[in-house]
Amino acid sequence: MARKRSTAPTAPTAAPKPEPRTEAELLAAISVEPKTAEEFAAAYDGHTARCISTRECSCNPFAEHPRVVAVEECVPWRHWRDDLAHRRWLAA
C-alpha cells in the first residue's frame, strides 16, 4: 500500500540574512544621551557612568588611588555618536 503524502505545510525556511545596515541607520539607532557602557565609553573617552557621576576615575587598576576627573572630561565628545556608529558598521 502506497503512503499518502502529507499536505501539511512544511516548516518555514530560514529567512535570508539581512544586508548590513548603513551607518546612517546605525546612527539613528543610537540615543542622543549615552545609556549603555559602550555609549558612555565612546562619549566620555573611555570613562564609565560612575566616573562621570562621582568625578573619581578608578578605571586604571594599576593606580593606587582614584584620580579626579577634570571638568573638561565630563563633557561628552562632540562626534561620539558618529564614531560609535562607524565602529558598529565596521564590526557588522
N, C-alpha and C. Protein backbone atom coordinates (compact mmCIF):
# COMPACT_ATOMS: atom_id res chain seq x y z
N MET A 1 0.83 -1.16 0.00
CA MET A 1 0.00 0.00 0.00
C MET A 1 0.89 1.25 0.00
N ALA A 2 0.60 2.15 -0.87
CA ALA A 2 1.40 3.37 -1.01
C ALA A 2 1.05 4.36 0.09
N ARG A 3 2.09 5.02 0.58
CA ARG A 3 1.86 6.04 1.62
C ARG A 3 1.34 7.31 0.98
N LYS A 4 0.45 7.91 1.65
CA LYS A 4 -0.10 9.17 1.17
C LYS A 4 0.81 10.31 1.59
N ARG A 5 1.07 11.21 0.69
CA ARG A 5 1.91 12.36 1.04
C ARG A 5 1.12 13.34 1.90
N SER A 6 1.79 13.88 2.85
CA SER A 6 1.14 14.86 3.73
C SER A 6 0.97 16.18 2.98
N THR A 7 -0.15 16.79 3.17
CA THR A 7 -0.40 18.09 2.55
C THR A 7 -0.20 19.23 3.54
N ALA A 8 0.28 18.88 4.73
CA ALA A 8 0.54 19.91 5.75
C ALA A 8 1.68 20.80 5.29
N PRO A 9 1.60 22.06 5.60
CA PRO A 9 2.69 22.96 5.19
C PRO A 9 4.00 22.57 5.88
N THR A 10 5.07 22.74 5.18
CA THR A 10 6.38 22.42 5.75
C THR A 10 6.85 23.56 6.63
N ALA A 11 7.84 23.27 7.41
CA ALA A 11 8.41 24.29 8.29
C ALA A 11 9.01 25.40 7.43
N PRO A 12 8.84 26.63 7.86
CA PRO A 12 9.38 27.73 7.05
C PRO A 12 10.91 27.66 7.01
N THR A 13 11.45 28.01 5.89
CA THR A 13 12.90 28.02 5.77
C THR A 13 13.44 29.27 6.46
N ALA A 14 14.70 29.22 6.77
CA ALA A 14 15.31 30.37 7.44
C ALA A 14 15.24 31.60 6.55
N ALA A 15 14.96 32.70 7.17
CA ALA A 15 14.87 33.96 6.42
C ALA A 15 16.26 34.33 5.91
N PRO A 16 16.33 34.95 4.77
CA PRO A 16 17.64 35.33 4.27
C PRO A 16 18.30 36.34 5.21
N LYS A 17 19.59 36.23 5.31
CA LYS A 17 20.34 37.12 6.19
C LYS A 17 20.21 38.55 5.68
N PRO A 18 19.81 39.49 6.57
CA PRO A 18 19.64 40.87 6.10
C PRO A 18 20.97 41.49 5.71
N GLU A 19 20.90 42.42 4.80
CA GLU A 19 22.10 43.14 4.38
C GLU A 19 22.64 43.95 5.55
N PRO A 20 23.93 44.22 5.58
CA PRO A 20 24.46 45.06 6.65
C PRO A 20 23.77 46.43 6.61
N ARG A 21 23.48 46.95 7.77
CA ARG A 21 22.82 48.24 7.86
C ARG A 21 23.80 49.35 7.51
N THR A 22 23.27 50.45 7.07
CA THR A 22 24.13 51.59 6.73
C THR A 22 24.52 52.33 7.99
N GLU A 23 25.55 53.16 7.88
CA GLU A 23 25.98 53.95 9.03
C GLU A 23 24.88 54.91 9.48
N ALA A 24 24.12 55.43 8.54
CA ALA A 24 23.03 56.36 8.89
C ALA A 24 21.96 55.66 9.72
N GLU A 25 21.64 54.41 9.38
CA GLU A 25 20.66 53.65 10.16
C GLU A 25 21.21 53.34 11.55
N LEU A 26 22.49 52.99 11.62
CA LEU A 26 23.11 52.72 12.92
C LEU A 26 23.14 53.98 13.77
N LEU A 27 23.44 55.12 13.16
CA LEU A 27 23.48 56.39 13.87
C LEU A 27 22.10 56.75 14.41
N ALA A 28 21.07 56.50 13.62
CA ALA A 28 19.71 56.80 14.06
C ALA A 28 19.29 55.92 15.24
N ALA A 29 19.86 54.75 15.36
CA ALA A 29 19.51 53.84 16.45
C ALA A 29 20.18 54.21 17.77
N ILE A 30 21.19 55.06 17.74
CA ILE A 30 21.91 55.47 18.95
C ILE A 30 21.22 56.68 19.55
N SER A 31 20.90 56.60 20.85
CA SER A 31 20.22 57.72 21.50
C SER A 31 21.17 58.90 21.65
N VAL A 32 20.59 60.07 21.84
CA VAL A 32 21.39 61.30 21.96
C VAL A 32 22.19 61.28 23.26
N GLU A 33 21.60 60.80 24.32
CA GLU A 33 22.29 60.68 25.60
C GLU A 33 22.82 59.26 25.75
N PRO A 34 24.07 59.08 26.18
CA PRO A 34 24.60 57.73 26.33
C PRO A 34 23.87 56.97 27.43
N LYS A 35 23.52 55.71 27.14
CA LYS A 35 22.78 54.89 28.11
C LYS A 35 23.54 53.61 28.48
N THR A 36 24.22 53.01 27.52
CA THR A 36 24.94 51.75 27.78
C THR A 36 26.40 52.05 28.10
N ALA A 37 27.08 51.03 28.60
CA ALA A 37 28.50 51.19 28.93
C ALA A 37 29.31 51.52 27.68
N GLU A 38 28.96 50.89 26.56
CA GLU A 38 29.67 51.15 25.30
C GLU A 38 29.48 52.60 24.87
N GLU A 39 28.26 53.12 25.03
CA GLU A 39 27.99 54.51 24.65
C GLU A 39 28.71 55.49 25.57
N PHE A 40 28.75 55.19 26.88
CA PHE A 40 29.48 56.06 27.80
C PHE A 40 30.96 56.09 27.47
N ALA A 41 31.53 54.93 27.18
CA ALA A 41 32.95 54.87 26.84
C ALA A 41 33.25 55.67 25.57
N ALA A 42 32.33 55.64 24.60
CA ALA A 42 32.52 56.40 23.36
C ALA A 42 32.36 57.89 23.61
N ALA A 43 31.41 58.27 24.45
CA ALA A 43 31.12 59.69 24.68
C ALA A 43 32.14 60.35 25.59
N TYR A 44 32.62 59.63 26.58
CA TYR A 44 33.49 60.23 27.59
C TYR A 44 34.90 59.64 27.57
N ASP A 45 35.40 59.31 26.40
CA ASP A 45 36.79 58.88 26.23
C ASP A 45 37.18 57.73 27.17
N GLY A 46 36.35 56.71 27.21
CA GLY A 46 36.68 55.52 27.98
C GLY A 46 36.16 55.51 29.40
N HIS A 47 35.63 56.61 29.89
CA HIS A 47 35.12 56.65 31.26
C HIS A 47 33.77 55.95 31.36
N THR A 48 33.45 55.47 32.55
CA THR A 48 32.16 54.84 32.80
C THR A 48 31.19 55.88 33.36
N ALA A 49 29.93 55.50 33.49
CA ALA A 49 28.93 56.41 34.06
C ALA A 49 29.29 56.75 35.51
N ARG A 50 29.87 55.79 36.22
CA ARG A 50 30.25 56.03 37.62
C ARG A 50 31.36 57.07 37.71
N CYS A 51 32.31 57.02 36.78
CA CYS A 51 33.40 58.02 36.77
C CYS A 51 32.85 59.43 36.61
N ILE A 52 31.89 59.58 35.70
CA ILE A 52 31.35 60.90 35.41
C ILE A 52 30.47 61.39 36.55
N SER A 53 29.68 60.50 37.15
CA SER A 53 28.76 60.93 38.21
C SER A 53 29.50 61.24 39.51
N THR A 54 30.54 60.48 39.85
CA THR A 54 31.26 60.71 41.11
C THR A 54 32.46 61.62 40.93
N ARG A 55 32.85 61.87 39.67
CA ARG A 55 34.03 62.67 39.34
C ARG A 55 35.32 62.04 39.88
N GLU A 56 35.30 60.73 40.13
CA GLU A 56 36.51 59.99 40.52
C GLU A 56 36.65 58.79 39.59
N CYS A 57 37.80 58.69 38.93
CA CYS A 57 38.03 57.61 37.98
C CYS A 57 38.91 56.55 38.61
N SER A 58 38.37 55.35 38.69
CA SER A 58 39.16 54.22 39.19
C SER A 58 39.25 53.14 38.12
N CYS A 59 39.21 53.55 36.85
CA CYS A 59 39.28 52.60 35.74
C CYS A 59 40.65 51.96 35.60
N ASN A 60 41.69 52.65 36.04
CA ASN A 60 43.04 52.12 35.93
C ASN A 60 43.32 51.22 37.13
N PRO A 61 43.41 49.90 36.93
CA PRO A 61 43.63 49.00 38.07
C PRO A 61 45.02 49.12 38.68
N PHE A 62 45.96 49.78 37.99
CA PHE A 62 47.32 49.90 38.50
C PHE A 62 47.54 51.16 39.32
N ALA A 63 46.56 52.06 39.34
CA ALA A 63 46.69 53.29 40.11
C ALA A 63 46.39 53.00 41.58
N GLU A 64 47.13 53.67 42.46
CA GLU A 64 46.93 53.44 43.89
C GLU A 64 45.62 54.06 44.38
N HIS A 65 45.29 55.23 43.86
CA HIS A 65 44.09 55.95 44.29
C HIS A 65 43.30 56.38 43.05
N PRO A 66 42.00 56.53 43.23
CA PRO A 66 41.23 57.05 42.09
C PRO A 66 41.65 58.48 41.79
N ARG A 67 41.66 58.83 40.52
CA ARG A 67 42.03 60.20 40.16
C ARG A 67 40.78 61.03 39.95
N VAL A 68 40.91 62.33 40.16
CA VAL A 68 39.78 63.24 39.97
C VAL A 68 39.59 63.46 38.48
N VAL A 69 38.35 63.37 38.04
CA VAL A 69 38.01 63.59 36.64
C VAL A 69 37.87 65.09 36.43
N ALA A 70 38.61 65.61 35.47
CA ALA A 70 38.56 67.05 35.20
C ALA A 70 37.20 67.44 34.62
N VAL A 71 36.85 68.71 34.78
CA VAL A 71 35.57 69.21 34.29
C VAL A 71 35.48 69.02 32.78
N GLU A 72 36.59 69.21 32.07
CA GLU A 72 36.59 69.06 30.61
C GLU A 72 36.25 67.63 30.20
N GLU A 73 36.60 66.66 31.03
CA GLU A 73 36.33 65.26 30.71
C GLU A 73 34.87 64.87 30.95
N CYS A 74 34.12 65.72 31.64
CA CYS A 74 32.71 65.43 31.94
C CYS A 74 31.78 65.91 30.82
N VAL A 75 32.35 66.48 29.80
CA VAL A 75 31.57 66.91 28.65
C VAL A 75 31.71 65.85 27.56
N PRO A 76 30.59 65.36 27.03
CA PRO A 76 30.72 64.31 26.01
C PRO A 76 31.42 64.81 24.75
N TRP A 77 32.19 63.92 24.16
CA TRP A 77 32.90 64.23 22.92
C TRP A 77 31.89 64.58 21.85
N ARG A 78 32.16 65.57 21.04
CA ARG A 78 31.19 66.12 20.09
C ARG A 78 30.68 65.09 19.08
N HIS A 79 31.56 64.26 18.56
CA HIS A 79 31.19 63.33 17.49
C HIS A 79 31.15 61.88 17.96
N TRP A 80 30.81 61.65 19.23
CA TRP A 80 30.85 60.29 19.75
C TRP A 80 29.84 59.38 19.08
N ARG A 81 28.67 59.88 18.72
CA ARG A 81 27.66 59.04 18.07
C ARG A 81 28.12 58.62 16.68
N ASP A 82 28.73 59.55 15.93
CA ASP A 82 29.22 59.21 14.59
C ASP A 82 30.30 58.14 14.67
N ASP A 83 31.21 58.31 15.63
CA ASP A 83 32.31 57.36 15.78
C ASP A 83 31.79 55.98 16.19
N LEU A 84 30.83 55.95 17.11
CA LEU A 84 30.27 54.67 17.55
C LEU A 84 29.51 53.98 16.42
N ALA A 85 28.75 54.74 15.64
CA ALA A 85 28.03 54.16 14.51
C ALA A 85 29.01 53.59 13.49
N HIS A 86 30.10 54.30 13.26
CA HIS A 86 31.10 53.83 12.31
C HIS A 86 31.75 52.54 12.80
N ARG A 87 32.08 52.47 14.09
CA ARG A 87 32.69 51.26 14.64
C ARG A 87 31.73 50.08 14.58
N ARG A 88 30.45 50.33 14.85
CA ARG A 88 29.46 49.24 14.76
C ARG A 88 29.28 48.79 13.33
N TRP A 89 29.33 49.72 12.39
CA TRP A 89 29.19 49.38 10.96
C TRP A 89 30.38 48.52 10.51
N LEU A 90 31.59 48.89 10.96
CA LEU A 90 32.78 48.12 10.60
C LEU A 90 32.72 46.71 11.20
N ALA A 91 32.17 46.59 12.39
CA ALA A 91 32.10 45.28 13.03
C ALA A 91 31.05 44.36 12.41
N ALA A 92 30.08 44.94 11.73
CA ALA A 92 29.00 44.13 11.14
C ALA A 92 29.48 43.37 9.93
